[in-house]
N, C-alpha and C. Protein backbone atom coordinates (compact mmCIF):
# COMPACT_ATOMS: atom_id res chain seq x y z
N MET A 1 -81.12 -27.55 -58.90
CA MET A 1 -79.82 -26.92 -58.81
C MET A 1 -79.23 -26.75 -60.21
N THR A 2 -78.50 -25.68 -60.38
CA THR A 2 -77.76 -25.49 -61.63
C THR A 2 -76.58 -26.46 -61.65
N PRO A 3 -75.95 -26.67 -62.81
CA PRO A 3 -74.76 -27.52 -62.82
C PRO A 3 -73.67 -27.04 -61.84
N LEU A 4 -73.45 -25.74 -61.77
CA LEU A 4 -72.45 -25.21 -60.84
C LEU A 4 -72.83 -25.50 -59.39
N GLU A 5 -74.09 -25.31 -59.06
CA GLU A 5 -74.55 -25.61 -57.70
C GLU A 5 -74.40 -27.10 -57.38
N THR A 6 -74.66 -27.95 -58.36
CA THR A 6 -74.51 -29.39 -58.15
C THR A 6 -73.06 -29.74 -57.84
N VAL A 7 -72.14 -29.21 -58.62
CA VAL A 7 -70.71 -29.48 -58.39
C VAL A 7 -70.29 -28.95 -57.03
N ASN A 8 -70.72 -27.75 -56.68
CA ASN A 8 -70.33 -27.18 -55.39
C ASN A 8 -70.93 -27.97 -54.22
N GLU A 9 -72.12 -28.50 -54.39
CA GLU A 9 -72.71 -29.35 -53.35
C GLU A 9 -71.94 -30.66 -53.24
N PHE A 10 -71.53 -31.22 -54.36
CA PHE A 10 -70.69 -32.42 -54.35
C PHE A 10 -69.41 -32.16 -53.55
N ILE A 11 -68.77 -31.03 -53.83
CA ILE A 11 -67.54 -30.67 -53.11
C ILE A 11 -67.81 -30.50 -51.63
N ARG A 12 -68.92 -29.86 -51.29
CA ARG A 12 -69.27 -29.67 -49.87
C ARG A 12 -69.40 -31.02 -49.16
N ARG A 13 -70.02 -31.98 -49.83
CA ARG A 13 -70.19 -33.31 -49.23
C ARG A 13 -68.86 -34.05 -49.10
N ILE A 14 -67.97 -33.86 -50.07
CA ILE A 14 -66.63 -34.45 -49.96
C ILE A 14 -65.89 -33.83 -48.77
N GLU A 15 -65.98 -32.51 -48.64
CA GLU A 15 -65.33 -31.83 -47.51
C GLU A 15 -65.88 -32.30 -46.17
N ALA A 16 -67.15 -32.69 -46.15
CA ALA A 16 -67.77 -33.24 -44.94
C ALA A 16 -67.39 -34.71 -44.74
N ARG A 17 -66.59 -35.24 -45.66
CA ARG A 17 -66.13 -36.63 -45.65
C ARG A 17 -67.30 -37.61 -45.75
N ASP A 18 -68.33 -37.19 -46.47
CA ASP A 18 -69.50 -38.04 -46.69
C ASP A 18 -69.54 -38.43 -48.17
N VAL A 19 -68.66 -39.33 -48.56
CA VAL A 19 -68.54 -39.72 -49.96
C VAL A 19 -69.82 -40.40 -50.43
N ALA A 20 -70.47 -41.16 -49.56
CA ALA A 20 -71.73 -41.82 -49.94
C ALA A 20 -72.78 -40.79 -50.34
N ALA A 21 -72.88 -39.70 -49.60
CA ALA A 21 -73.83 -38.64 -49.96
C ALA A 21 -73.37 -37.92 -51.22
N ALA A 22 -72.07 -37.75 -51.39
CA ALA A 22 -71.56 -37.08 -52.59
C ALA A 22 -71.90 -37.86 -53.84
N VAL A 23 -71.73 -39.18 -53.80
CA VAL A 23 -71.99 -39.96 -55.01
C VAL A 23 -73.48 -40.05 -55.34
N ASP A 24 -74.34 -39.64 -54.41
CA ASP A 24 -75.76 -39.51 -54.76
C ASP A 24 -75.96 -38.47 -55.84
N LEU A 25 -74.97 -37.59 -56.03
CA LEU A 25 -75.06 -36.53 -57.04
C LEU A 25 -74.43 -36.93 -58.37
N VAL A 26 -73.97 -38.17 -58.50
CA VAL A 26 -73.41 -38.63 -59.77
C VAL A 26 -74.34 -39.65 -60.40
N SER A 27 -74.31 -39.71 -61.72
CA SER A 27 -75.15 -40.67 -62.45
C SER A 27 -74.62 -42.09 -62.26
N GLU A 28 -75.48 -43.05 -62.50
CA GLU A 28 -75.09 -44.46 -62.36
C GLU A 28 -73.90 -44.82 -63.25
N ASP A 29 -73.78 -44.14 -64.39
CA ASP A 29 -72.69 -44.45 -65.33
C ASP A 29 -71.67 -43.32 -65.44
N CYS A 30 -71.58 -42.50 -64.42
CA CYS A 30 -70.65 -41.36 -64.42
C CYS A 30 -69.22 -41.83 -64.70
N GLU A 31 -68.54 -41.06 -65.54
CA GLU A 31 -67.12 -41.30 -65.79
C GLU A 31 -66.30 -40.39 -64.88
N TYR A 32 -65.49 -40.98 -64.02
CA TYR A 32 -64.56 -40.24 -63.17
C TYR A 32 -63.16 -40.51 -63.69
N ASP A 33 -62.55 -39.49 -64.24
CA ASP A 33 -61.22 -39.61 -64.82
C ASP A 33 -60.24 -38.83 -63.95
N ASN A 34 -59.54 -39.54 -63.12
CA ASN A 34 -58.50 -38.96 -62.28
C ASN A 34 -57.23 -39.03 -63.13
N VAL A 35 -57.09 -38.05 -64.02
CA VAL A 35 -56.27 -38.14 -65.23
C VAL A 35 -54.92 -38.85 -65.06
N PRO A 36 -54.10 -38.48 -64.10
CA PRO A 36 -52.82 -39.20 -64.08
C PRO A 36 -52.93 -40.63 -63.56
N MET A 37 -54.09 -41.00 -63.02
CA MET A 37 -54.22 -42.31 -62.38
C MET A 37 -55.19 -43.25 -63.09
N GLY A 38 -56.06 -42.73 -63.93
CA GLY A 38 -56.97 -43.59 -64.67
C GLY A 38 -58.44 -43.31 -64.40
N LYS A 39 -59.29 -43.99 -65.17
CA LYS A 39 -60.73 -43.78 -65.13
C LYS A 39 -61.43 -44.90 -64.38
N VAL A 40 -62.56 -44.52 -63.79
CA VAL A 40 -63.52 -45.50 -63.29
C VAL A 40 -64.89 -45.04 -63.75
N PHE A 41 -65.83 -45.98 -63.79
CA PHE A 41 -67.17 -45.67 -64.27
C PHE A 41 -68.21 -46.11 -63.25
N GLY A 42 -69.12 -45.19 -62.95
CA GLY A 42 -70.26 -45.53 -62.11
C GLY A 42 -70.11 -45.16 -60.66
N ARG A 43 -71.27 -45.01 -60.02
CA ARG A 43 -71.33 -44.62 -58.61
C ARG A 43 -70.52 -45.54 -57.71
N GLU A 44 -70.74 -46.83 -57.85
CA GLU A 44 -70.07 -47.79 -56.96
C GLU A 44 -68.56 -47.73 -57.10
N ALA A 45 -68.07 -47.59 -58.33
CA ALA A 45 -66.62 -47.51 -58.55
C ALA A 45 -66.04 -46.23 -57.96
N ILE A 46 -66.77 -45.13 -58.09
CA ILE A 46 -66.31 -43.87 -57.51
C ILE A 46 -66.29 -43.97 -55.99
N LEU A 47 -67.35 -44.51 -55.42
CA LEU A 47 -67.42 -44.70 -53.97
C LEU A 47 -66.30 -45.62 -53.50
N GLY A 48 -66.07 -46.70 -54.23
CA GLY A 48 -65.03 -47.66 -53.85
C GLY A 48 -63.63 -47.09 -53.94
N GLY A 49 -63.40 -46.18 -54.87
CA GLY A 49 -62.08 -45.58 -55.02
C GLY A 49 -61.84 -44.40 -54.10
N LEU A 50 -62.83 -43.55 -53.99
CA LEU A 50 -62.68 -42.31 -53.23
C LEU A 50 -62.99 -42.50 -51.75
N GLY A 51 -63.94 -43.37 -51.45
CA GLY A 51 -64.38 -43.57 -50.06
C GLY A 51 -63.26 -43.93 -49.11
N PRO A 52 -62.48 -44.98 -49.40
CA PRO A 52 -61.40 -45.35 -48.48
C PRO A 52 -60.34 -44.26 -48.32
N PHE A 53 -60.06 -43.52 -49.39
CA PHE A 53 -59.06 -42.46 -49.32
C PHE A 53 -59.54 -41.34 -48.40
N VAL A 54 -60.78 -40.91 -48.58
CA VAL A 54 -61.32 -39.80 -47.78
C VAL A 54 -61.56 -40.24 -46.33
N SER A 55 -61.96 -41.48 -46.12
CA SER A 55 -62.32 -41.93 -44.78
C SER A 55 -61.13 -41.94 -43.81
N VAL A 56 -59.91 -42.05 -44.32
CA VAL A 56 -58.74 -42.04 -43.43
C VAL A 56 -58.27 -40.62 -43.12
N CYS A 57 -58.89 -39.64 -43.72
CA CYS A 57 -58.51 -38.24 -43.49
C CYS A 57 -59.27 -37.69 -42.28
N ASP A 58 -58.58 -36.88 -41.50
CA ASP A 58 -59.23 -36.15 -40.42
C ASP A 58 -59.99 -34.94 -40.97
N GLU A 59 -59.42 -34.35 -42.02
CA GLU A 59 -60.02 -33.17 -42.65
C GLU A 59 -59.82 -33.24 -44.15
N VAL A 60 -60.79 -32.68 -44.88
CA VAL A 60 -60.70 -32.55 -46.33
C VAL A 60 -61.15 -31.15 -46.69
N GLU A 61 -60.34 -30.44 -47.45
CA GLU A 61 -60.70 -29.10 -47.93
C GLU A 61 -60.42 -29.02 -49.42
N TRP A 62 -61.40 -28.60 -50.18
CA TRP A 62 -61.21 -28.34 -51.61
C TRP A 62 -61.52 -26.87 -51.83
N LYS A 63 -60.50 -26.04 -51.80
CA LYS A 63 -60.70 -24.60 -51.98
C LYS A 63 -60.79 -24.29 -53.46
N VAL A 64 -61.92 -23.74 -53.87
CA VAL A 64 -62.14 -23.37 -55.27
C VAL A 64 -61.72 -21.91 -55.45
N PHE A 65 -60.78 -21.68 -56.36
CA PHE A 65 -60.30 -20.33 -56.64
C PHE A 65 -61.06 -19.69 -57.80
N ARG A 66 -61.33 -20.48 -58.81
CA ARG A 66 -62.04 -19.99 -60.00
C ARG A 66 -63.00 -21.08 -60.44
N GLU A 67 -64.15 -20.63 -60.96
CA GLU A 67 -65.13 -21.58 -61.48
C GLU A 67 -65.91 -20.90 -62.59
N ALA A 68 -66.33 -21.72 -63.54
CA ALA A 68 -67.11 -21.20 -64.66
C ALA A 68 -68.12 -22.27 -65.06
N GLU A 69 -69.26 -21.79 -65.51
CA GLU A 69 -70.33 -22.67 -65.95
C GLU A 69 -70.77 -22.24 -67.34
N ASN A 70 -70.93 -23.21 -68.23
CA ASN A 70 -71.41 -22.94 -69.58
C ASN A 70 -72.33 -24.09 -69.96
N GLY A 71 -73.63 -23.87 -69.88
CA GLY A 71 -74.58 -24.94 -70.15
C GLY A 71 -74.41 -26.06 -69.15
N HIS A 72 -74.12 -27.26 -69.65
CA HIS A 72 -73.95 -28.44 -68.80
C HIS A 72 -72.54 -28.57 -68.25
N LEU A 73 -71.62 -27.71 -68.72
CA LEU A 73 -70.21 -27.82 -68.34
C LEU A 73 -69.86 -26.92 -67.17
N VAL A 74 -69.03 -27.45 -66.28
CA VAL A 74 -68.49 -26.68 -65.16
C VAL A 74 -66.98 -26.90 -65.14
N PHE A 75 -66.25 -25.82 -64.96
CA PHE A 75 -64.80 -25.89 -64.83
C PHE A 75 -64.43 -25.25 -63.50
N ASN A 76 -63.48 -25.86 -62.78
CA ASN A 76 -63.00 -25.19 -61.58
C ASN A 76 -61.51 -25.41 -61.40
N GLU A 77 -60.90 -24.41 -60.78
CA GLU A 77 -59.50 -24.47 -60.38
C GLU A 77 -59.51 -24.54 -58.87
N ARG A 78 -58.88 -25.61 -58.33
CA ARG A 78 -58.99 -25.86 -56.90
C ARG A 78 -57.62 -26.13 -56.29
N PHE A 79 -57.62 -26.09 -54.97
CA PHE A 79 -56.49 -26.53 -54.18
C PHE A 79 -57.06 -27.57 -53.22
N ASP A 80 -56.82 -28.85 -53.50
CA ASP A 80 -57.37 -29.93 -52.69
C ASP A 80 -56.40 -30.27 -51.57
N ARG A 81 -56.93 -30.32 -50.35
CA ARG A 81 -56.11 -30.61 -49.17
C ARG A 81 -56.71 -31.79 -48.41
N PHE A 82 -55.85 -32.73 -48.05
CA PHE A 82 -56.26 -33.91 -47.31
C PHE A 82 -55.40 -33.98 -46.05
N GLY A 83 -56.03 -33.86 -44.87
CA GLY A 83 -55.29 -33.84 -43.62
C GLY A 83 -55.48 -35.12 -42.82
N ASN A 84 -54.36 -35.57 -42.25
CA ASN A 84 -54.41 -36.76 -41.40
C ASN A 84 -53.31 -36.64 -40.35
N ASN A 85 -53.70 -36.70 -39.08
CA ASN A 85 -52.75 -36.62 -37.96
C ASN A 85 -51.85 -35.39 -38.05
N GLY A 86 -52.43 -34.26 -38.42
CA GLY A 86 -51.68 -33.02 -38.48
C GLY A 86 -50.84 -32.82 -39.73
N LYS A 87 -50.80 -33.81 -40.61
CA LYS A 87 -50.04 -33.70 -41.86
C LYS A 87 -51.01 -33.49 -43.01
N TRP A 88 -50.65 -32.59 -43.92
CA TRP A 88 -51.51 -32.28 -45.06
C TRP A 88 -50.86 -32.70 -46.37
N ILE A 89 -51.67 -33.23 -47.25
CA ILE A 89 -51.30 -33.42 -48.65
C ILE A 89 -52.07 -32.35 -49.41
N GLU A 90 -51.37 -31.53 -50.18
CA GLU A 90 -51.99 -30.40 -50.88
C GLU A 90 -51.67 -30.48 -52.36
N VAL A 91 -52.72 -30.41 -53.18
CA VAL A 91 -52.54 -30.60 -54.61
C VAL A 91 -53.36 -29.58 -55.40
N PRO A 92 -52.73 -28.79 -56.28
CA PRO A 92 -53.49 -27.95 -57.20
C PRO A 92 -54.20 -28.84 -58.22
N VAL A 93 -55.47 -28.55 -58.48
CA VAL A 93 -56.30 -29.39 -59.35
C VAL A 93 -57.12 -28.50 -60.28
N THR A 94 -57.29 -28.95 -61.51
CA THR A 94 -58.27 -28.35 -62.42
C THR A 94 -59.31 -29.42 -62.71
N GLY A 95 -60.57 -29.08 -62.47
CA GLY A 95 -61.66 -30.03 -62.67
C GLY A 95 -62.54 -29.64 -63.84
N VAL A 96 -62.97 -30.64 -64.58
CA VAL A 96 -63.92 -30.48 -65.67
C VAL A 96 -65.10 -31.39 -65.36
N TRP A 97 -66.29 -30.84 -65.40
CA TRP A 97 -67.48 -31.57 -64.99
C TRP A 97 -68.58 -31.40 -66.04
N GLU A 98 -69.39 -32.42 -66.21
CA GLU A 98 -70.63 -32.31 -66.98
C GLU A 98 -71.77 -32.73 -66.07
N VAL A 99 -72.84 -31.95 -66.10
CA VAL A 99 -74.00 -32.23 -65.26
C VAL A 99 -75.23 -32.23 -66.15
N HIS A 100 -76.00 -33.31 -66.06
CA HIS A 100 -77.25 -33.45 -66.82
C HIS A 100 -78.35 -33.89 -65.87
N ASP A 101 -79.48 -33.21 -65.94
CA ASP A 101 -80.64 -33.57 -65.11
C ASP A 101 -80.28 -33.66 -63.63
N GLY A 102 -79.44 -32.74 -63.18
CA GLY A 102 -79.09 -32.66 -61.77
C GLY A 102 -78.06 -33.66 -61.29
N LEU A 103 -77.49 -34.45 -62.21
CA LEU A 103 -76.49 -35.45 -61.82
C LEU A 103 -75.19 -35.23 -62.60
N ILE A 104 -74.08 -35.45 -61.93
CA ILE A 104 -72.77 -35.35 -62.56
C ILE A 104 -72.58 -36.58 -63.44
N THR A 105 -72.33 -36.36 -64.72
CA THR A 105 -72.13 -37.48 -65.65
C THR A 105 -70.66 -37.65 -66.05
N LEU A 106 -69.87 -36.60 -65.85
CA LEU A 106 -68.43 -36.65 -66.11
C LEU A 106 -67.72 -35.81 -65.07
N TRP A 107 -66.66 -36.37 -64.51
CA TRP A 107 -65.82 -35.65 -63.56
C TRP A 107 -64.39 -35.99 -63.92
N ARG A 108 -63.66 -34.99 -64.38
CA ARG A 108 -62.27 -35.20 -64.81
C ARG A 108 -61.39 -34.22 -64.05
N ASP A 109 -60.44 -34.74 -63.30
CA ASP A 109 -59.50 -33.92 -62.54
C ASP A 109 -58.10 -34.05 -63.11
N TYR A 110 -57.48 -32.91 -63.36
CA TYR A 110 -56.10 -32.84 -63.83
C TYR A 110 -55.22 -32.34 -62.68
N PHE A 111 -54.18 -33.09 -62.38
CA PHE A 111 -53.21 -32.66 -61.37
C PHE A 111 -51.89 -33.36 -61.63
N ASP A 112 -50.85 -32.86 -60.98
CA ASP A 112 -49.52 -33.43 -61.14
C ASP A 112 -49.32 -34.55 -60.11
N LEU A 113 -49.21 -35.77 -60.60
CA LEU A 113 -49.09 -36.92 -59.71
C LEU A 113 -47.84 -36.85 -58.84
N ALA A 114 -46.75 -36.31 -59.37
CA ALA A 114 -45.52 -36.20 -58.57
C ALA A 114 -45.72 -35.28 -57.37
N THR A 115 -46.50 -34.22 -57.55
CA THR A 115 -46.79 -33.31 -56.43
C THR A 115 -47.48 -34.07 -55.31
N TYR A 116 -48.42 -34.93 -55.68
CA TYR A 116 -49.11 -35.75 -54.68
C TYR A 116 -48.15 -36.76 -54.05
N ARG A 117 -47.45 -37.50 -54.87
CA ARG A 117 -46.59 -38.58 -54.36
C ARG A 117 -45.45 -38.07 -53.48
N ASN A 118 -44.95 -36.88 -53.77
CA ASN A 118 -43.86 -36.32 -52.97
C ASN A 118 -44.31 -35.95 -51.56
N GLN A 119 -45.61 -35.91 -51.33
CA GLN A 119 -46.13 -35.57 -50.01
C GLN A 119 -46.70 -36.78 -49.27
N ALA A 120 -47.00 -37.83 -50.00
CA ALA A 120 -47.68 -38.99 -49.39
C ALA A 120 -46.73 -39.81 -48.53
């Protein structure tokens, strides 16, 4: 898979609420920087942080509006939606990704924390 295909497959797995399968696409030492909230490193930390959040959702949608790939770098502009009991949390996100040898080695998401918190 190309870096862009890898990122899009990761997103597809997140939307399927299969975080364990999604983290199969990240390197053992992947840096996940959820910019307003902080960084974690490695598959297990990403699974431990993202898994419980996604598992309580009935639906997850990450609509990608724009994406670009340049070598190992992927950039995307998304609208991430997390649904639970008919209520949605919706957050505009810009993602920066690095993919090497078919694995995501860096995942950095920029979003406005207040937008998230005002809906939670």
